[in-house]
Amino acid sequence: MLHFDEGEFTVDFPIGGPELDDLELVDDVDVFVTLRDGTSWLGVFISLAKLASSMKVRAESGELRGGLYHWESGLVIMRQAGVSAILEAIRDMVAEGDVEEHLIKQLKDDDPDETS
């Protein structure tokens, strides 16, 4: 797990292993953002190149109508790969008050680490 504390919010990247070798190559990742008010949000960040590659694979496999479309709730498409670009996008969303519009709010019951 990769964790960043930005003061106004925290960001958790559930990555490990080889992905940690070069953080600027991370091109498809779920990201958890927790705001100062305690709300937690999920975003799926993917680079344009990774999205194109994924759609090509689906075109060849026939999945999703032969790669005709791609969808994911909370999807944020990035011009470039990398943790630093993702953090910059999240900083902008928080500063502009757009987290609610772009990411998916996580309910307390959605947290697999939460114990009763």
N, C-alpha and C. Protein backbone atom coordinates (compact mmCIF):
# COMPACT_ATOMS: atom_id res chain seq x y z
N MET A 1 0.86 -1.18 0.00
CA MET A 1 0.00 0.00 0.00
C MET A 1 0.90 1.23 0.00
N LEU A 2 0.57 2.15 -0.85
CA LEU A 2 1.29 3.42 -0.94
C LEU A 2 0.36 4.49 -0.40
N HIS A 3 0.82 5.27 0.59
CA HIS A 3 -0.01 6.24 1.28
C HIS A 3 0.61 7.64 1.19
N PHE A 4 -0.25 8.63 0.90
CA PHE A 4 0.18 10.03 0.87
C PHE A 4 -0.75 10.84 1.74
N ASP A 5 -0.20 11.68 2.60
CA ASP A 5 -0.99 12.59 3.42
C ASP A 5 -0.78 13.99 2.87
N GLU A 6 -1.84 14.54 2.29
CA GLU A 6 -1.78 15.85 1.66
C GLU A 6 -2.35 16.95 2.55
N GLY A 7 -2.59 16.65 3.82
CA GLY A 7 -3.13 17.65 4.74
C GLY A 7 -4.65 17.73 4.67
N GLU A 8 -5.17 18.20 3.55
CA GLU A 8 -6.63 18.30 3.35
C GLU A 8 -7.26 16.95 3.05
N PHE A 9 -6.44 16.00 2.64
CA PHE A 9 -6.93 14.67 2.28
C PHE A 9 -5.76 13.68 2.29
N THR A 10 -6.11 12.40 2.33
CA THR A 10 -5.10 11.35 2.19
C THR A 10 -5.44 10.53 0.95
N VAL A 11 -4.42 9.91 0.40
CA VAL A 11 -4.59 9.08 -0.80
C VAL A 11 -3.89 7.75 -0.56
N ASP A 12 -4.61 6.67 -0.83
CA ASP A 12 -4.05 5.33 -0.72
C ASP A 12 -4.11 4.63 -2.07
N PHE A 13 -2.96 4.14 -2.49
CA PHE A 13 -2.82 3.35 -3.70
C PHE A 13 -2.57 1.91 -3.27
N PRO A 14 -3.50 0.99 -3.50
CA PRO A 14 -3.28 -0.40 -3.11
C PRO A 14 -2.37 -1.12 -4.11
N ILE A 15 -1.12 -0.71 -4.14
CA ILE A 15 -0.16 -1.31 -5.06
C ILE A 15 1.03 -1.83 -4.27
N GLY A 16 1.77 -2.70 -4.90
CA GLY A 16 2.96 -3.26 -4.27
C GLY A 16 3.78 -3.99 -5.31
N GLY A 17 4.82 -4.63 -4.85
CA GLY A 17 5.67 -5.42 -5.75
C GLY A 17 6.32 -4.57 -6.81
N PRO A 18 6.31 -5.09 -8.05
CA PRO A 18 7.00 -4.41 -9.15
C PRO A 18 6.47 -3.00 -9.44
N GLU A 19 5.20 -2.76 -9.13
CA GLU A 19 4.63 -1.42 -9.38
C GLU A 19 5.36 -0.34 -8.59
N LEU A 20 5.93 -0.72 -7.45
CA LEU A 20 6.63 0.26 -6.62
C LEU A 20 8.01 0.60 -7.17
N ASP A 21 8.50 -0.17 -8.14
CA ASP A 21 9.82 0.08 -8.71
C ASP A 21 9.88 1.39 -9.49
N ASP A 22 8.80 1.71 -10.19
CA ASP A 22 8.74 2.98 -10.94
C ASP A 22 7.32 3.51 -10.88
N LEU A 23 7.09 4.42 -9.95
CA LEU A 23 5.74 4.94 -9.71
C LEU A 23 5.20 5.74 -10.89
N GLU A 24 6.09 6.17 -11.78
CA GLU A 24 5.62 6.95 -12.92
C GLU A 24 5.15 6.06 -14.08
N LEU A 25 5.19 4.75 -13.88
CA LEU A 25 4.66 3.82 -14.89
C LEU A 25 3.28 3.29 -14.50
N VAL A 26 2.80 3.64 -13.31
CA VAL A 26 1.48 3.18 -12.86
C VAL A 26 0.44 3.79 -13.80
N ASP A 27 -0.30 2.89 -14.50
CA ASP A 27 -1.21 3.38 -15.54
C ASP A 27 -2.64 2.88 -15.42
N ASP A 28 -2.93 2.10 -14.38
CA ASP A 28 -4.29 1.58 -14.19
C ASP A 28 -4.38 1.16 -12.73
N VAL A 29 -5.07 1.97 -11.91
CA VAL A 29 -5.06 1.71 -10.47
C VAL A 29 -6.32 2.27 -9.81
N ASP A 30 -6.82 1.52 -8.82
CA ASP A 30 -7.87 2.04 -7.95
C ASP A 30 -7.18 2.91 -6.91
N VAL A 31 -7.79 4.05 -6.60
CA VAL A 31 -7.21 4.98 -5.63
C VAL A 31 -8.30 5.34 -4.62
N PHE A 32 -7.93 5.32 -3.35
CA PHE A 32 -8.85 5.69 -2.28
C PHE A 32 -8.45 7.05 -1.72
N VAL A 33 -9.39 7.97 -1.73
CA VAL A 33 -9.17 9.33 -1.25
C VAL A 33 -10.05 9.55 -0.02
N THR A 34 -9.44 9.98 1.07
CA THR A 34 -10.20 10.29 2.29
C THR A 34 -10.03 11.77 2.57
N LEU A 35 -11.17 12.46 2.61
CA LEU A 35 -11.17 13.90 2.86
C LEU A 35 -11.09 14.17 4.36
N ARG A 36 -10.78 15.41 4.70
CA ARG A 36 -10.66 15.81 6.10
C ARG A 36 -11.95 15.55 6.88
N ASP A 37 -13.11 15.62 6.19
CA ASP A 37 -14.39 15.39 6.87
C ASP A 37 -14.64 13.91 7.14
N GLY A 38 -13.72 13.04 6.74
CA GLY A 38 -13.84 11.60 7.01
C GLY A 38 -14.47 10.80 5.88
N THR A 39 -15.03 11.48 4.88
CA THR A 39 -15.62 10.73 3.78
C THR A 39 -14.51 10.10 2.93
N SER A 40 -14.83 8.94 2.41
CA SER A 40 -13.86 8.19 1.61
C SER A 40 -14.42 7.99 0.20
N TRP A 41 -13.55 8.11 -0.79
CA TRP A 41 -13.95 8.08 -2.19
C TRP A 41 -13.04 7.15 -2.97
N LEU A 42 -13.60 6.50 -3.99
CA LEU A 42 -12.84 5.60 -4.84
C LEU A 42 -12.81 6.15 -6.26
N GLY A 43 -11.63 6.12 -6.86
CA GLY A 43 -11.49 6.48 -8.26
C GLY A 43 -10.66 5.42 -8.97
N VAL A 44 -11.00 5.15 -10.22
CA VAL A 44 -10.23 4.23 -11.05
C VAL A 44 -9.49 5.11 -12.05
N PHE A 45 -8.18 5.21 -11.90
CA PHE A 45 -7.37 6.08 -12.75
C PHE A 45 -6.66 5.23 -13.80
N ILE A 46 -6.82 5.62 -15.08
CA ILE A 46 -6.23 4.88 -16.18
C ILE A 46 -5.67 5.86 -17.20
N SER A 47 -4.51 5.53 -17.75
CA SER A 47 -3.92 6.40 -18.76
C SER A 47 -4.58 6.14 -20.12
N LEU A 48 -4.49 7.13 -20.99
CA LEU A 48 -5.02 6.95 -22.35
C LEU A 48 -4.39 5.75 -23.05
N ALA A 49 -3.08 5.60 -22.90
CA ALA A 49 -2.38 4.48 -23.55
C ALA A 49 -2.89 3.14 -23.03
N LYS A 50 -3.06 3.02 -21.72
CA LYS A 50 -3.56 1.77 -21.14
C LYS A 50 -4.99 1.51 -21.57
N LEU A 51 -5.81 2.56 -21.65
CA LEU A 51 -7.19 2.41 -22.10
C LEU A 51 -7.23 1.92 -23.54
N ALA A 52 -6.40 2.49 -24.40
CA ALA A 52 -6.34 2.05 -25.81
C ALA A 52 -5.91 0.59 -25.89
N SER A 53 -4.94 0.21 -25.09
CA SER A 53 -4.46 -1.17 -25.08
C SER A 53 -5.56 -2.11 -24.61
N SER A 54 -6.28 -1.72 -23.56
CA SER A 54 -7.37 -2.53 -23.03
C SER A 54 -8.48 -2.71 -24.07
N MET A 55 -8.79 -1.64 -24.79
CA MET A 55 -9.84 -1.73 -25.80
C MET A 55 -9.40 -2.60 -26.97
N LYS A 56 -8.12 -2.58 -27.30
CA LYS A 56 -7.60 -3.44 -28.36
C LYS A 56 -7.73 -4.91 -27.97
N VAL A 57 -7.38 -5.22 -26.73
CA VAL A 57 -7.52 -6.60 -26.23
C VAL A 57 -8.98 -7.04 -26.32
N ARG A 58 -9.88 -6.16 -25.95
CA ARG A 58 -11.31 -6.51 -26.01
C ARG A 58 -11.79 -6.65 -27.45
N ALA A 59 -11.23 -5.88 -28.35
CA ALA A 59 -11.58 -6.01 -29.77
C ALA A 59 -11.19 -7.39 -30.28
N GLU A 60 -10.04 -7.86 -29.82
CA GLU A 60 -9.56 -9.18 -30.25
C GLU A 60 -10.32 -10.32 -29.57
N SER A 61 -10.75 -10.11 -28.33
CA SER A 61 -11.45 -11.17 -27.60
C SER A 61 -12.95 -11.17 -27.85
N GLY A 62 -13.47 -10.07 -28.36
CA GLY A 62 -14.91 -9.97 -28.59
C GLY A 62 -15.68 -9.43 -27.40
N GLU A 63 -14.99 -9.24 -26.28
CA GLU A 63 -15.63 -8.73 -25.08
C GLU A 63 -16.10 -7.29 -25.29
N LEU A 64 -17.18 -6.92 -24.62
CA LEU A 64 -17.76 -5.58 -24.70
C LEU A 64 -17.99 -5.16 -26.16
N ARG A 65 -18.66 -6.05 -26.85
CA ARG A 65 -19.04 -5.81 -28.26
C ARG A 65 -17.81 -5.57 -29.12
N GLY A 66 -16.79 -6.38 -28.86
CA GLY A 66 -15.57 -6.28 -29.66
C GLY A 66 -14.77 -5.02 -29.38
N GLY A 67 -14.78 -4.57 -28.10
CA GLY A 67 -14.02 -3.38 -27.75
C GLY A 67 -14.69 -2.09 -28.19
N LEU A 68 -15.97 -2.17 -28.49
CA LEU A 68 -16.71 -0.99 -28.94
C LEU A 68 -16.72 0.11 -27.87
N TYR A 69 -16.75 -0.32 -26.59
CA TYR A 69 -16.81 0.66 -25.50
C TYR A 69 -16.05 0.15 -24.29
N HIS A 70 -15.86 1.04 -23.34
CA HIS A 70 -15.23 0.70 -22.06
C HIS A 70 -15.96 1.49 -21.00
N TRP A 71 -16.27 0.85 -19.90
CA TRP A 71 -16.89 1.61 -18.81
C TRP A 71 -16.40 1.09 -17.47
N GLU A 72 -16.33 1.98 -16.52
CA GLU A 72 -16.06 1.67 -15.12
C GLU A 72 -16.62 2.82 -14.31
N SER A 73 -17.31 2.51 -13.25
CA SER A 73 -17.78 3.56 -12.35
C SER A 73 -16.57 4.24 -11.72
N GLY A 74 -16.63 5.55 -11.61
CA GLY A 74 -15.56 6.31 -10.98
C GLY A 74 -14.31 6.43 -11.83
N LEU A 75 -14.45 6.21 -13.14
CA LEU A 75 -13.29 6.22 -14.04
C LEU A 75 -12.78 7.65 -14.27
N VAL A 76 -11.46 7.80 -14.14
CA VAL A 76 -10.79 9.06 -14.45
C VAL A 76 -9.71 8.73 -15.47
N ILE A 77 -9.82 9.30 -16.65
CA ILE A 77 -8.86 9.04 -17.73
C ILE A 77 -7.76 10.09 -17.66
N MET A 78 -6.53 9.61 -17.63
CA MET A 78 -5.37 10.47 -17.49
C MET A 78 -4.62 10.56 -18.82
N ARG A 79 -4.13 11.74 -19.15
CA ARG A 79 -3.33 11.92 -20.36
C ARG A 79 -2.01 11.15 -20.25
N GLN A 80 -1.49 11.06 -19.04
CA GLN A 80 -0.22 10.36 -18.85
C GLN A 80 -0.32 9.44 -17.64
N ALA A 81 0.58 8.47 -17.59
CA ALA A 81 0.66 7.54 -16.46
C ALA A 81 1.42 8.19 -15.31
N GLY A 82 1.37 7.55 -14.16
CA GLY A 82 2.21 7.95 -13.05
C GLY A 82 1.47 8.44 -11.82
N VAL A 83 2.01 8.07 -10.67
CA VAL A 83 1.44 8.47 -9.39
C VAL A 83 1.45 9.99 -9.24
N SER A 84 2.50 10.66 -9.69
CA SER A 84 2.54 12.13 -9.52
C SER A 84 1.42 12.81 -10.31
N ALA A 85 1.12 12.32 -11.51
CA ALA A 85 0.02 12.89 -12.30
C ALA A 85 -1.32 12.62 -11.63
N ILE A 86 -1.49 11.42 -11.08
CA ILE A 86 -2.73 11.08 -10.39
C ILE A 86 -2.92 11.97 -9.16
N LEU A 87 -1.85 12.14 -8.39
CA LEU A 87 -1.94 13.04 -7.22
C LEU A 87 -2.29 14.46 -7.63
N GLU A 88 -1.72 14.94 -8.72
CA GLU A 88 -2.02 16.29 -9.19
C GLU A 88 -3.50 16.40 -9.59
N ALA A 89 -4.03 15.38 -10.24
CA ALA A 89 -5.45 15.38 -10.61
C ALA A 89 -6.34 15.40 -9.36
N ILE A 90 -5.97 14.62 -8.36
CA ILE A 90 -6.76 14.59 -7.12
C ILE A 90 -6.67 15.93 -6.40
N ARG A 91 -5.49 16.52 -6.36
CA ARG A 91 -5.35 17.87 -5.75
C ARG A 91 -6.30 18.86 -6.41
N ASP A 92 -6.38 18.79 -7.73
CA ASP A 92 -7.26 19.69 -8.47
C ASP A 92 -8.73 19.41 -8.13
N MET A 93 -9.11 18.13 -8.09
CA MET A 93 -10.50 17.78 -7.75
C MET A 93 -10.87 18.31 -6.37
N VAL A 94 -9.96 18.15 -5.40
CA VAL A 94 -10.24 18.62 -4.04
C VAL A 94 -10.33 20.15 -4.03
N ALA A 95 -9.38 20.82 -4.66
CA ALA A 95 -9.37 22.29 -4.68
C ALA A 95 -10.61 22.86 -5.35
N GLU A 96 -11.08 22.19 -6.39
CA GLU A 96 -12.25 22.69 -7.14
C GLU A 96 -13.57 22.18 -6.57
N GLY A 97 -13.51 21.31 -5.56
CA GLY A 97 -14.74 20.75 -4.97
C GLY A 97 -15.42 19.74 -5.86
N ASP A 98 -14.65 19.05 -6.70
CA ASP A 98 -15.22 18.13 -7.68
C ASP A 98 -15.12 16.65 -7.31
N VAL A 99 -14.64 16.34 -6.12
CA VAL A 99 -14.48 14.93 -5.74
C VAL A 99 -15.80 14.19 -5.86
N GLU A 100 -16.89 14.78 -5.34
CA GLU A 100 -18.21 14.13 -5.37
C GLU A 100 -18.67 13.81 -6.79
N GLU A 101 -18.29 14.64 -7.74
CA GLU A 101 -18.74 14.44 -9.12
C GLU A 101 -17.92 13.40 -9.87
N HIS A 102 -16.66 13.24 -9.50
CA HIS A 102 -15.78 12.37 -10.27
C HIS A 102 -15.49 11.02 -9.65
N LEU A 103 -15.59 10.92 -8.33
CA LEU A 103 -15.26 9.68 -7.64
C LEU A 103 -16.50 9.08 -6.99
N ILE A 104 -16.39 7.85 -6.52
CA ILE A 104 -17.51 7.12 -5.93
C ILE A 104 -17.37 7.15 -4.42
N LYS A 105 -18.42 7.62 -3.74
CA LYS A 105 -18.39 7.66 -2.28
C LYS A 105 -18.43 6.24 -1.73
N GLN A 106 -17.54 5.98 -0.79
CA GLN A 106 -17.49 4.68 -0.15
C GLN A 106 -18.29 4.72 1.15
N LEU A 107 -19.14 3.73 1.32
CA LEU A 107 -19.90 3.62 2.55
C LEU A 107 -19.07 2.87 3.58
N LYS A 108 -19.38 3.07 4.83
CA LYS A 108 -18.62 2.41 5.88
C LYS A 108 -18.58 0.89 5.66
N ASP A 109 -19.68 0.31 5.21
CA ASP A 109 -19.76 -1.12 4.98
C ASP A 109 -18.91 -1.59 3.82
N ASP A 110 -18.44 -0.64 2.96
CA ASP A 110 -17.61 -0.99 1.81
C ASP A 110 -16.15 -1.24 2.19
N ASP A 111 -15.77 -0.87 3.41
CA ASP A 111 -14.36 -0.96 3.82
C ASP A 111 -14.08 -2.37 4.33
N PRO A 112 -13.29 -3.15 3.56
CA PRO A 112 -13.01 -4.52 3.98
C PRO A 112 -12.16 -4.60 5.24
N ASP A 113 -11.47 -3.51 5.60
CA ASP A 113 -10.64 -3.50 6.80
C ASP A 113 -11.44 -3.08 8.04
N GLU A 114 -12.65 -2.63 7.84
CA GLU A 114 -13.49 -2.15 8.93
C GLU A 114 -13.95 -3.34 9.77
N THR A 115 -13.80 -3.24 11.06
CA THR A 115 -14.27 -4.31 11.95
C THR A 115 -15.42 -3.79 12.78
N SER A 116 -16.35 -4.68 13.09
CA SER A 116 -17.53 -4.29 13.86
C SER A 116 -17.28 -4.38 15.33
